[in-house]
N, C-alpha and C. Protein backbone atom coordinates (compact mmCIF):
# COMPACT_ATOMS: atom_id res chain seq x y z
N VAL A 1 10.71 19.41 -0.51
CA VAL A 1 11.57 18.76 0.49
C VAL A 1 11.25 17.27 0.23
N ILE A 2 12.24 16.44 0.02
CA ILE A 2 12.10 15.06 0.24
C ILE A 2 12.54 14.56 1.52
N LEU A 3 11.71 14.02 2.39
CA LEU A 3 12.08 13.55 3.74
C LEU A 3 12.02 12.03 3.76
N THR A 4 13.12 11.42 3.94
CA THR A 4 13.12 10.01 3.98
C THR A 4 13.74 9.45 5.33
N TYR A 5 13.25 8.27 5.75
CA TYR A 5 13.51 7.70 7.04
C TYR A 5 14.25 6.40 6.97
N GLY A 6 15.36 6.27 7.64
CA GLY A 6 16.01 4.93 7.71
C GLY A 6 17.53 5.19 7.69
N LEU A 7 18.17 3.97 7.34
CA LEU A 7 19.64 3.94 7.32
C LEU A 7 20.14 4.88 6.19
N PRO A 8 21.03 5.87 6.46
CA PRO A 8 21.63 6.81 5.39
C PRO A 8 22.03 6.05 4.19
N GLU A 9 22.81 5.06 4.34
CA GLU A 9 23.31 4.37 3.14
C GLU A 9 22.27 3.91 2.18
N PHE A 10 21.34 3.33 2.66
CA PHE A 10 20.09 2.86 1.83
C PHE A 10 19.33 4.12 1.29
N GLN A 11 19.01 5.00 2.10
CA GLN A 11 18.25 6.24 1.70
C GLN A 11 18.99 7.05 0.59
N LYS A 12 20.29 7.16 0.71
CA LYS A 12 20.94 7.82 -0.38
C LYS A 12 20.81 7.12 -1.70
N TYR A 13 20.80 5.83 -1.60
CA TYR A 13 20.64 5.10 -2.92
C TYR A 13 19.16 5.23 -3.36
N LYS A 14 18.18 5.27 -2.48
CA LYS A 14 16.82 5.42 -2.84
C LYS A 14 16.61 6.96 -3.39
N LEU A 15 17.20 7.97 -2.85
CA LEU A 15 17.03 9.30 -3.31
C LEU A 15 17.77 9.49 -4.69
N GLN A 16 18.82 8.72 -4.98
CA GLN A 16 19.52 8.80 -6.28
C GLN A 16 18.49 8.20 -7.31
N GLY A 17 17.71 7.18 -6.93
CA GLY A 17 16.74 6.72 -7.79
C GLY A 17 15.71 7.76 -8.10
N LEU A 18 15.28 8.42 -7.23
CA LEU A 18 14.25 9.40 -7.49
C LEU A 18 14.78 10.51 -8.42
N GLU A 19 16.08 10.99 -8.18
CA GLU A 19 16.72 11.88 -9.00
C GLU A 19 16.78 11.46 -10.37
N ASP A 20 17.12 10.18 -10.57
CA ASP A 20 17.36 9.69 -11.92
C ASP A 20 16.09 9.43 -12.65
N GLY A 21 14.97 9.24 -11.90
CA GLY A 21 13.69 9.05 -12.53
C GLY A 21 12.97 10.34 -12.70
N GLY A 22 13.59 11.60 -12.39
CA GLY A 22 12.92 12.76 -12.76
C GLY A 22 12.18 13.40 -11.66
N MET A 23 11.78 12.73 -10.59
CA MET A 23 10.97 13.33 -9.52
C MET A 23 11.86 14.27 -8.61
N GLY A 24 13.00 14.25 -8.75
CA GLY A 24 13.98 15.22 -7.93
C GLY A 24 13.67 16.73 -8.47
N THR A 25 13.06 16.91 -9.52
CA THR A 25 12.83 18.27 -10.10
C THR A 25 11.82 18.97 -9.16
N TYR A 26 10.99 18.32 -8.39
CA TYR A 26 9.94 18.71 -7.63
C TYR A 26 10.42 19.39 -6.20
N PHE A 27 11.68 19.05 -5.93
CA PHE A 27 12.23 19.21 -4.51
C PHE A 27 13.33 20.00 -4.45
N LYS A 28 13.53 20.88 -3.60
CA LYS A 28 14.68 21.91 -3.40
C LYS A 28 15.62 21.23 -2.39
N LYS A 29 15.23 20.44 -1.50
CA LYS A 29 16.07 19.74 -0.56
C LYS A 29 15.72 18.42 -0.20
N MET A 30 16.69 17.60 0.27
CA MET A 30 16.44 16.19 0.58
C MET A 30 17.01 16.05 1.90
N ILE A 31 16.26 15.41 2.95
CA ILE A 31 16.56 15.26 4.32
C ILE A 31 16.47 13.80 4.67
N ILE A 32 17.46 13.19 5.19
CA ILE A 32 17.43 11.79 5.64
C ILE A 32 17.37 11.99 7.22
N THR A 33 16.40 11.05 7.82
CA THR A 33 16.25 11.28 9.22
C THR A 33 15.89 9.82 9.84
N THR A 34 16.29 9.80 11.16
CA THR A 34 15.69 8.70 11.99
C THR A 34 14.58 9.11 12.99
N ARG A 35 14.26 10.33 12.89
CA ARG A 35 13.29 10.89 13.75
C ARG A 35 11.83 10.79 13.05
N SER A 36 10.81 10.99 13.95
CA SER A 36 9.46 11.05 13.31
C SER A 36 9.46 12.09 12.24
N LYS A 37 8.76 11.80 11.25
CA LYS A 37 8.81 12.70 10.03
C LYS A 37 7.98 13.92 10.29
N VAL A 38 6.94 13.81 11.05
CA VAL A 38 6.04 15.03 11.35
C VAL A 38 6.93 16.02 12.32
N GLU A 39 7.77 15.57 13.05
CA GLU A 39 8.65 16.39 13.89
C GLU A 39 9.65 17.11 13.03
N VAL A 40 10.19 16.41 12.04
CA VAL A 40 11.16 16.93 11.11
C VAL A 40 10.32 18.09 10.21
N ILE A 41 9.21 17.79 9.94
CA ILE A 41 8.38 18.79 9.13
C ILE A 41 8.08 19.95 9.90
N ASP A 42 7.77 19.81 11.12
CA ASP A 42 7.41 20.94 12.03
C ASP A 42 8.94 21.83 12.27
N SER A 43 9.88 21.18 12.42
CA SER A 43 11.13 21.85 12.69
C SER A 43 11.46 22.63 11.46
N PHE A 44 11.35 21.94 10.16
CA PHE A 44 11.69 22.63 8.96
C PHE A 44 10.84 23.80 8.79
N CYS A 45 9.65 23.64 8.88
CA CYS A 45 8.65 24.83 8.68
C CYS A 45 8.96 25.98 9.61
N ARG A 46 9.49 25.77 10.97
CA ARG A 46 9.80 26.75 11.68
C ARG A 46 10.99 27.50 11.26
N GLU A 47 12.01 26.91 10.55
CA GLU A 47 13.20 27.37 10.28
C GLU A 47 13.18 28.01 8.86
N GLN A 48 12.11 27.74 8.00
CA GLN A 48 12.09 28.29 6.66
C GLN A 48 11.04 29.30 6.51
N ASP A 49 10.95 30.11 5.43
CA ASP A 49 10.11 31.02 5.02
C ASP A 49 8.85 30.31 4.44
N GLU A 50 9.10 29.16 3.81
CA GLU A 50 8.15 28.33 3.22
C GLU A 50 7.88 26.99 3.83
N CYS A 51 6.89 26.39 3.57
CA CYS A 51 6.77 25.01 4.34
C CYS A 51 6.53 23.89 3.30
N VAL A 52 6.26 22.70 3.87
CA VAL A 52 6.02 21.49 3.01
C VAL A 52 4.63 21.60 2.48
N ASN A 53 4.45 21.37 1.23
CA ASN A 53 3.01 21.42 0.64
C ASN A 53 2.44 20.05 0.51
N PHE A 54 3.28 19.06 0.19
CA PHE A 54 2.84 17.57 -0.10
C PHE A 54 3.53 16.77 0.78
N PHE A 55 2.84 15.68 1.20
CA PHE A 55 3.68 14.58 2.03
C PHE A 55 3.17 13.30 1.36
N ILE A 56 4.11 12.65 0.67
CA ILE A 56 3.86 11.26 0.06
C ILE A 56 4.64 10.26 0.98
N ASP A 57 3.87 9.13 1.42
CA ASP A 57 4.57 8.11 2.04
C ASP A 57 3.81 6.72 1.84
N ASP A 58 4.56 5.69 1.99
CA ASP A 58 3.94 4.38 1.96
C ASP A 58 3.64 3.90 3.40
N SER A 59 4.03 4.58 4.40
CA SER A 59 3.80 4.26 5.90
C SER A 59 2.64 5.00 6.40
N ILE A 60 1.63 4.30 6.73
CA ILE A 60 0.41 4.87 7.31
C ILE A 60 1.01 5.45 8.78
N ALA A 61 1.71 4.69 9.38
CA ALA A 61 2.24 5.33 10.68
C ALA A 61 2.91 6.54 10.62
N GLN A 62 3.59 6.94 9.38
CA GLN A 62 4.13 8.27 9.23
C GLN A 62 3.18 9.27 8.73
N LEU A 63 2.14 8.70 8.03
CA LEU A 63 1.19 9.72 7.44
C LEU A 63 0.15 10.21 8.49
N TYR A 64 -0.34 9.48 9.42
CA TYR A 64 -1.40 9.73 10.33
C TYR A 64 -1.02 11.01 11.20
N PRO A 65 0.33 10.99 11.72
CA PRO A 65 0.68 12.12 12.54
C PRO A 65 0.56 13.45 11.60
N VAL A 66 0.94 13.32 10.28
CA VAL A 66 0.90 14.55 9.51
C VAL A 66 -0.49 14.92 9.25
N VAL A 67 -1.37 13.99 9.00
CA VAL A 67 -2.85 14.36 8.72
C VAL A 67 -3.31 14.98 9.96
N ASN A 68 -3.06 14.55 11.21
CA ASN A 68 -3.58 15.05 12.34
C ASN A 68 -2.91 16.51 12.82
N ARG A 69 -1.64 16.59 12.72
CA ARG A 69 -0.94 17.77 13.12
C ARG A 69 -0.88 18.93 12.10
N ARG A 70 -0.91 18.53 10.70
CA ARG A 70 -0.59 19.47 9.84
C ARG A 70 -1.77 19.45 8.68
N PRO A 71 -2.85 19.82 8.90
CA PRO A 71 -3.92 19.81 7.85
C PRO A 71 -3.66 20.56 6.80
N ASP A 72 -2.68 21.49 6.85
CA ASP A 72 -2.29 22.40 5.66
C ASP A 72 -1.49 21.73 4.62
N ILE A 73 -1.04 20.38 4.89
CA ILE A 73 -0.31 19.59 3.89
C ILE A 73 -1.13 18.68 3.26
N ILE A 74 -1.08 18.62 1.92
CA ILE A 74 -1.77 17.64 1.08
C ILE A 74 -1.01 16.19 1.33
N THR A 75 -1.70 15.22 1.72
CA THR A 75 -1.09 13.94 1.93
C THR A 75 -1.45 12.92 0.84
N MET A 76 -0.45 12.13 0.44
CA MET A 76 -0.63 11.11 -0.64
C MET A 76 -0.06 9.77 -0.01
N TRP A 77 -0.97 8.77 0.09
CA TRP A 77 -0.49 7.47 0.54
C TRP A 77 0.01 6.70 -0.63
N LEU A 78 1.20 6.21 -0.65
CA LEU A 78 1.79 5.38 -1.61
C LEU A 78 1.49 3.98 -1.27
N ASP A 79 0.36 3.44 -1.71
CA ASP A 79 -0.10 2.01 -1.38
C ASP A 79 0.39 1.14 -2.24
N ARG A 80 1.76 0.73 -2.13
CA ARG A 80 2.39 -0.22 -2.99
C ARG A 80 1.85 -1.58 -2.81
N LYS A 81 1.36 -1.94 -1.59
CA LYS A 81 0.92 -3.27 -1.24
C LYS A 81 -0.60 -3.47 -1.52
N ARG A 82 -1.14 -2.52 -2.07
CA ARG A 82 -2.67 -2.40 -2.30
C ARG A 82 -3.55 -2.66 -1.06
N LEU A 83 -3.04 -2.13 -0.04
CA LEU A 83 -3.79 -2.35 1.35
C LEU A 83 -5.03 -1.69 1.30
N SER A 84 -5.27 -0.70 0.38
CA SER A 84 -6.48 0.07 0.36
C SER A 84 -7.59 -0.78 -0.25
N LYS A 85 -7.25 -1.95 -0.88
CA LYS A 85 -8.15 -3.04 -1.44
C LYS A 85 -8.54 -4.03 -0.48
N ILE A 86 -7.89 -4.16 0.71
CA ILE A 86 -8.11 -5.22 1.66
C ILE A 86 -9.38 -4.89 2.61
N GLY A 87 -10.16 -5.85 2.75
CA GLY A 87 -11.31 -5.66 3.69
C GLY A 87 -12.60 -5.28 2.94
N THR A 88 -13.64 -4.95 3.59
CA THR A 88 -14.87 -4.61 3.02
C THR A 88 -14.69 -3.25 2.23
N LYS A 89 -15.60 -2.98 1.33
CA LYS A 89 -15.58 -1.66 0.57
C LYS A 89 -15.53 -0.49 1.65
N GLU A 90 -16.45 -0.64 2.68
CA GLU A 90 -16.53 0.43 3.58
C GLU A 90 -15.20 0.75 4.31
N VAL A 91 -14.61 -0.36 4.76
CA VAL A 91 -13.20 -0.24 5.45
C VAL A 91 -12.20 0.45 4.51
N ALA A 92 -12.20 -0.10 3.20
CA ALA A 92 -11.31 0.49 2.31
C ALA A 92 -11.54 1.89 1.85
N ASP A 93 -12.78 2.20 1.84
CA ASP A 93 -13.13 3.70 1.53
C ASP A 93 -12.78 4.62 2.64
N GLN A 94 -13.01 4.04 3.92
CA GLN A 94 -12.59 4.98 5.03
C GLN A 94 -11.10 5.10 5.15
N ARG A 95 -10.31 3.98 4.86
CA ARG A 95 -8.92 4.17 5.01
C ARG A 95 -8.49 5.18 3.91
N CYS A 96 -9.11 5.19 2.78
CA CYS A 96 -8.55 6.09 1.57
C CYS A 96 -8.98 7.48 1.94
N ARG A 97 -10.16 7.74 2.56
CA ARG A 97 -10.78 9.15 2.74
C ARG A 97 -9.82 9.83 3.75
N GLU A 98 -8.95 9.18 4.59
CA GLU A 98 -8.18 9.85 5.49
C GLU A 98 -7.00 10.68 4.93
N PHE A 99 -6.77 10.28 3.66
CA PHE A 99 -5.76 11.10 2.90
C PHE A 99 -6.19 11.77 1.74
N ASP A 100 -5.45 12.80 1.16
CA ASP A 100 -5.95 13.48 -0.05
C ASP A 100 -5.90 12.55 -1.17
N TYR A 101 -4.93 11.80 -1.30
CA TYR A 101 -4.76 10.93 -2.58
C TYR A 101 -4.22 9.53 -2.14
N VAL A 102 -4.51 8.59 -2.84
CA VAL A 102 -4.02 7.19 -2.71
C VAL A 102 -3.47 6.77 -4.03
N VAL A 103 -2.22 6.51 -4.17
CA VAL A 103 -1.54 6.06 -5.47
C VAL A 103 -1.01 4.74 -5.22
N GLU A 104 -0.66 3.97 -6.29
CA GLU A 104 -0.09 2.67 -6.27
C GLU A 104 1.48 2.65 -6.48
N ASP A 105 1.93 3.76 -7.06
CA ASP A 105 3.24 3.81 -7.52
C ASP A 105 3.64 5.34 -7.62
N LEU A 106 5.01 5.59 -7.79
CA LEU A 106 5.49 6.94 -8.00
C LEU A 106 5.06 7.45 -9.27
N TYR A 107 4.86 6.74 -10.41
CA TYR A 107 4.45 7.23 -11.63
C TYR A 107 3.02 7.94 -11.39
N GLN A 108 2.17 7.22 -10.72
CA GLN A 108 0.81 8.07 -10.53
C GLN A 108 1.11 9.28 -9.57
N ALA A 109 1.89 9.19 -8.62
CA ALA A 109 2.16 10.39 -7.73
C ALA A 109 2.67 11.50 -8.68
N ASP A 110 3.64 11.18 -9.61
CA ASP A 110 4.30 12.10 -10.46
C ASP A 110 3.19 12.75 -11.38
N LYS A 111 2.21 12.01 -11.90
CA LYS A 111 1.21 12.60 -12.69
C LYS A 111 0.38 13.61 -11.95
N ILE A 112 0.06 13.22 -10.73
CA ILE A 112 -0.87 14.06 -9.81
C ILE A 112 -0.11 15.33 -9.43
N LEU A 113 1.24 15.05 -9.11
CA LEU A 113 1.93 16.44 -8.83
C LEU A 113 2.08 17.33 -10.01
N ALA A 114 2.28 16.82 -11.21
CA ALA A 114 2.37 17.52 -12.41
C ALA A 114 1.02 18.32 -12.70
N GLU A 115 -0.05 17.79 -12.33
CA GLU A 115 -1.33 18.44 -12.55
C GLU A 115 -1.58 19.45 -11.39
N ILE A 116 -1.12 19.24 -10.14
CA ILE A 116 -1.39 20.23 -9.11
C ILE A 116 -0.41 21.39 -9.09
N ILE A 117 0.85 21.13 -9.32
CA ILE A 117 1.89 22.10 -9.30
C ILE A 117 1.75 23.08 -10.58
């Protein structure tokens, strides 16, 4: 499942880019929402026979609720702004440990998914 948050017009454009880039092959369904992503994940998992396995996001605010409520889901922080490099090494290491993976772009995420799946 690809779960994306924001204005539907922009999100449709973003999803088309993922499809065109080849990442759409990993996903069976695409959902656009303006609700909290963890709420949508919970609802989706209750309604389906299978659940979400991976959660990739560039928003720490969306990742933390998933980490806290859904330890069964592998989390990947898409750190486009290289925020994991800011601050002391200890602070950066702590920030990265909270997630299963930290990647700088979708190319890295694609490589990890290809190895895991």
